[in-house]
N, C-alpha and C. Protein backbone atom coordinates (compact mmCIF):
# COMPACT_ATOMS: atom_id res chain seq x y z
N MET A 1 -28.83 -13.12 2.89
CA MET A 1 -28.24 -11.83 2.70
C MET A 1 -29.35 -10.82 2.45
N LEU A 2 -29.23 -9.69 3.09
CA LEU A 2 -30.16 -8.59 2.88
C LEU A 2 -29.60 -7.69 1.80
N ALA A 3 -30.39 -7.38 0.78
CA ALA A 3 -29.96 -6.47 -0.29
C ALA A 3 -30.79 -5.20 -0.21
N LEU A 4 -30.12 -4.06 -0.15
CA LEU A 4 -30.80 -2.77 -0.05
C LEU A 4 -30.37 -1.86 -1.18
N SER A 5 -31.26 -1.00 -1.61
CA SER A 5 -30.91 0.03 -2.58
C SER A 5 -30.81 1.35 -1.85
N ARG A 6 -29.74 2.09 -2.10
CA ARG A 6 -29.53 3.40 -1.48
C ARG A 6 -28.99 4.34 -2.54
N LYS A 7 -29.30 5.60 -2.41
CA LYS A 7 -28.77 6.63 -3.29
C LYS A 7 -27.65 7.35 -2.57
N VAL A 8 -26.90 8.18 -3.30
CA VAL A 8 -25.82 8.96 -2.71
C VAL A 8 -26.38 9.76 -1.53
N ASN A 9 -25.62 9.77 -0.45
CA ASN A 9 -25.95 10.44 0.82
C ASN A 9 -27.04 9.74 1.62
N GLU A 10 -27.49 8.57 1.21
CA GLU A 10 -28.42 7.78 2.01
C GLU A 10 -27.62 6.75 2.80
N SER A 11 -28.17 6.34 3.93
CA SER A 11 -27.44 5.46 4.86
C SER A 11 -28.26 4.25 5.24
N ILE A 12 -27.56 3.29 5.83
CA ILE A 12 -28.20 2.19 6.55
C ILE A 12 -27.56 2.13 7.93
N MET A 13 -28.29 1.61 8.89
CA MET A 13 -27.78 1.44 10.25
C MET A 13 -27.63 -0.05 10.54
N ILE A 14 -26.53 -0.39 11.20
CA ILE A 14 -26.32 -1.75 11.70
C ILE A 14 -26.27 -1.63 13.21
N GLY A 15 -27.24 -2.22 13.87
CA GLY A 15 -27.35 -2.04 15.31
C GLY A 15 -27.64 -0.57 15.61
N ASN A 16 -27.21 -0.13 16.77
CA ASN A 16 -27.47 1.25 17.20
C ASN A 16 -26.33 2.20 16.90
N ASP A 17 -25.16 1.67 16.51
CA ASP A 17 -24.00 2.56 16.46
C ASP A 17 -23.11 2.42 15.23
N ILE A 18 -23.56 1.70 14.20
CA ILE A 18 -22.79 1.60 12.97
C ILE A 18 -23.65 2.14 11.83
N GLU A 19 -23.14 3.16 11.16
CA GLU A 19 -23.85 3.78 10.04
C GLU A 19 -23.00 3.66 8.79
N ILE A 20 -23.61 3.17 7.71
CA ILE A 20 -22.93 3.05 6.42
C ILE A 20 -23.65 3.98 5.45
N THR A 21 -22.88 4.91 4.86
CA THR A 21 -23.44 5.92 3.96
C THR A 21 -22.84 5.77 2.57
N VAL A 22 -23.67 5.84 1.55
CA VAL A 22 -23.19 5.85 0.17
C VAL A 22 -22.68 7.27 -0.11
N LEU A 23 -21.38 7.39 -0.38
CA LEU A 23 -20.78 8.69 -0.61
C LEU A 23 -20.74 9.06 -2.09
N GLU A 24 -20.50 8.05 -2.94
CA GLU A 24 -20.31 8.34 -4.36
C GLU A 24 -20.51 7.06 -5.16
N VAL A 25 -21.04 7.20 -6.37
CA VAL A 25 -21.17 6.08 -7.30
C VAL A 25 -20.57 6.54 -8.63
N LYS A 26 -19.56 5.79 -9.10
CA LYS A 26 -18.91 6.07 -10.39
C LYS A 26 -18.86 4.77 -11.17
N GLY A 27 -19.68 4.65 -12.18
CA GLY A 27 -19.70 3.42 -12.98
C GLY A 27 -20.02 2.23 -12.10
N GLU A 28 -19.09 1.28 -12.03
CA GLU A 28 -19.30 0.06 -11.22
C GLU A 28 -18.71 0.18 -9.82
N GLN A 29 -18.19 1.34 -9.47
CA GLN A 29 -17.55 1.52 -8.17
C GLN A 29 -18.43 2.35 -7.25
N VAL A 30 -18.54 1.90 -6.00
CA VAL A 30 -19.33 2.60 -4.99
C VAL A 30 -18.40 2.96 -3.84
N LYS A 31 -18.43 4.21 -3.42
CA LYS A 31 -17.62 4.65 -2.28
C LYS A 31 -18.54 4.73 -1.07
N LEU A 32 -18.17 4.03 0.00
CA LEU A 32 -18.96 3.98 1.21
C LEU A 32 -18.23 4.68 2.35
N GLY A 33 -18.99 5.32 3.21
CA GLY A 33 -18.45 5.87 4.45
C GLY A 33 -19.01 5.06 5.60
N ILE A 34 -18.17 4.74 6.56
CA ILE A 34 -18.60 3.91 7.70
C ILE A 34 -18.30 4.66 8.98
N SER A 35 -19.34 4.88 9.77
CA SER A 35 -19.19 5.48 11.10
C SER A 35 -19.45 4.38 12.12
N ALA A 36 -18.43 4.10 12.94
CA ALA A 36 -18.55 3.03 13.93
C ALA A 36 -17.67 3.37 15.12
N PRO A 37 -17.95 2.77 16.27
CA PRO A 37 -17.09 2.99 17.44
C PRO A 37 -15.67 2.52 17.14
N LYS A 38 -14.71 3.13 17.83
CA LYS A 38 -13.29 2.79 17.59
C LYS A 38 -12.97 1.33 17.88
N ASN A 39 -13.74 0.68 18.74
CA ASN A 39 -13.45 -0.72 19.08
C ASN A 39 -13.96 -1.70 18.03
N VAL A 40 -14.64 -1.21 16.99
CA VAL A 40 -15.11 -2.07 15.90
C VAL A 40 -14.05 -2.07 14.81
N HIS A 41 -13.52 -3.24 14.50
CA HIS A 41 -12.49 -3.37 13.47
C HIS A 41 -13.18 -3.45 12.11
N ILE A 42 -12.75 -2.63 11.18
CA ILE A 42 -13.33 -2.60 9.84
C ILE A 42 -12.22 -2.90 8.84
N LEU A 43 -12.39 -3.99 8.10
CA LEU A 43 -11.42 -4.39 7.07
C LEU A 43 -12.17 -4.75 5.79
N ARG A 44 -11.51 -4.52 4.65
CA ARG A 44 -12.05 -5.07 3.41
C ARG A 44 -11.99 -6.58 3.53
N LYS A 45 -12.95 -7.27 2.93
CA LYS A 45 -13.04 -8.72 3.12
C LYS A 45 -11.78 -9.44 2.67
N GLU A 46 -11.17 -9.01 1.55
CA GLU A 46 -9.97 -9.72 1.07
C GLU A 46 -8.82 -9.58 2.07
N ILE A 47 -8.74 -8.45 2.75
CA ILE A 47 -7.71 -8.27 3.78
C ILE A 47 -8.05 -9.13 5.00
N PHE A 48 -9.32 -9.16 5.39
CA PHE A 48 -9.76 -9.98 6.51
C PHE A 48 -9.41 -11.45 6.28
N VAL A 49 -9.69 -11.95 5.07
CA VAL A 49 -9.40 -13.35 4.74
C VAL A 49 -7.89 -13.60 4.79
N ASP A 50 -7.09 -12.68 4.25
CA ASP A 50 -5.63 -12.82 4.30
C ASP A 50 -5.12 -12.88 5.74
N VAL A 51 -5.65 -12.03 6.60
CA VAL A 51 -5.23 -12.01 8.01
C VAL A 51 -5.61 -13.34 8.67
N GLN A 52 -6.82 -13.83 8.41
CA GLN A 52 -7.24 -15.11 8.98
C GLN A 52 -6.31 -16.24 8.53
N ASP A 53 -5.99 -16.26 7.24
CA ASP A 53 -5.09 -17.30 6.71
C ASP A 53 -3.71 -17.24 7.37
N GLU A 54 -3.17 -16.03 7.50
CA GLU A 54 -1.86 -15.87 8.13
C GLU A 54 -1.90 -16.29 9.60
N ASN A 55 -2.98 -15.97 10.30
CA ASN A 55 -3.12 -16.38 11.69
C ASN A 55 -3.15 -17.90 11.82
N LYS A 56 -3.86 -18.57 10.90
CA LYS A 56 -3.91 -20.04 10.93
C LYS A 56 -2.53 -20.63 10.69
N LYS A 57 -1.80 -20.08 9.70
CA LYS A 57 -0.46 -20.58 9.42
C LYS A 57 0.46 -20.38 10.62
N ALA A 58 0.39 -19.23 11.25
CA ALA A 58 1.23 -18.95 12.41
C ALA A 58 0.90 -19.89 13.55
N ALA A 59 -0.38 -20.15 13.78
CA ALA A 59 -0.79 -21.04 14.86
C ALA A 59 -0.31 -22.46 14.61
N GLU A 60 -0.39 -22.90 13.36
CA GLU A 60 0.04 -24.26 13.02
C GLU A 60 1.55 -24.42 13.14
N SER A 61 2.30 -23.39 12.78
CA SER A 61 3.75 -23.51 12.82
C SER A 61 4.30 -23.37 14.23
N ASN A 62 3.52 -22.84 15.16
CA ASN A 62 3.97 -22.64 16.53
C ASN A 62 3.49 -23.71 17.49
N VAL A 63 2.83 -24.73 16.98
CA VAL A 63 2.36 -25.82 17.85
C VAL A 63 3.52 -26.77 18.08
N PRO A 64 4.01 -26.86 19.30
CA PRO A 64 5.15 -27.76 19.56
C PRO A 64 4.72 -29.23 19.53
N SER A 65 5.63 -30.07 19.11
CA SER A 65 5.35 -31.51 19.11
C SER A 65 5.45 -32.03 20.54
N GLY A 66 5.00 -33.25 20.73
CA GLY A 66 5.08 -33.86 22.06
C GLY A 66 6.52 -33.93 22.55
N ALA A 67 7.46 -34.25 21.66
CA ALA A 67 8.87 -34.33 22.03
C ALA A 67 9.39 -32.95 22.42
N ALA A 68 8.99 -31.94 21.69
CA ALA A 68 9.44 -30.58 22.01
C ALA A 68 8.90 -30.14 23.36
N LEU A 69 7.69 -30.52 23.68
CA LEU A 69 7.15 -30.18 25.00
C LEU A 69 7.94 -30.88 26.11
N GLY A 70 8.29 -32.17 25.86
CA GLY A 70 9.08 -32.90 26.85
C GLY A 70 10.43 -32.25 27.07
N ASP A 71 11.03 -31.74 26.00
CA ASP A 71 12.33 -31.07 26.12
C ASP A 71 12.23 -29.81 26.97
N LEU A 72 11.11 -29.16 26.95
CA LEU A 72 10.93 -27.94 27.74
C LEU A 72 11.00 -28.22 29.24
N PHE A 73 10.60 -29.42 29.64
CA PHE A 73 10.53 -29.73 31.06
C PHE A 73 11.73 -30.51 31.58
N LYS A 74 12.78 -30.64 30.78
CA LYS A 74 13.98 -31.34 31.23
C LYS A 74 14.83 -30.45 32.09
């Protein structure tokens, strides 16, 4: 992991087209601004993990059994 120190209104670049700017620091909370192309999905990590978990559950529940597949072709 790369750790960087930035002050308010300072930025870091990820690749050529993603810019992360420190907007505000209040106590233990940091407000970040992210400029990225519209095709880049940006989620808080806890939301990302929840979505991944839900996708796994949905995929597992939609896998038909061998018998169910056989019934489809009758």
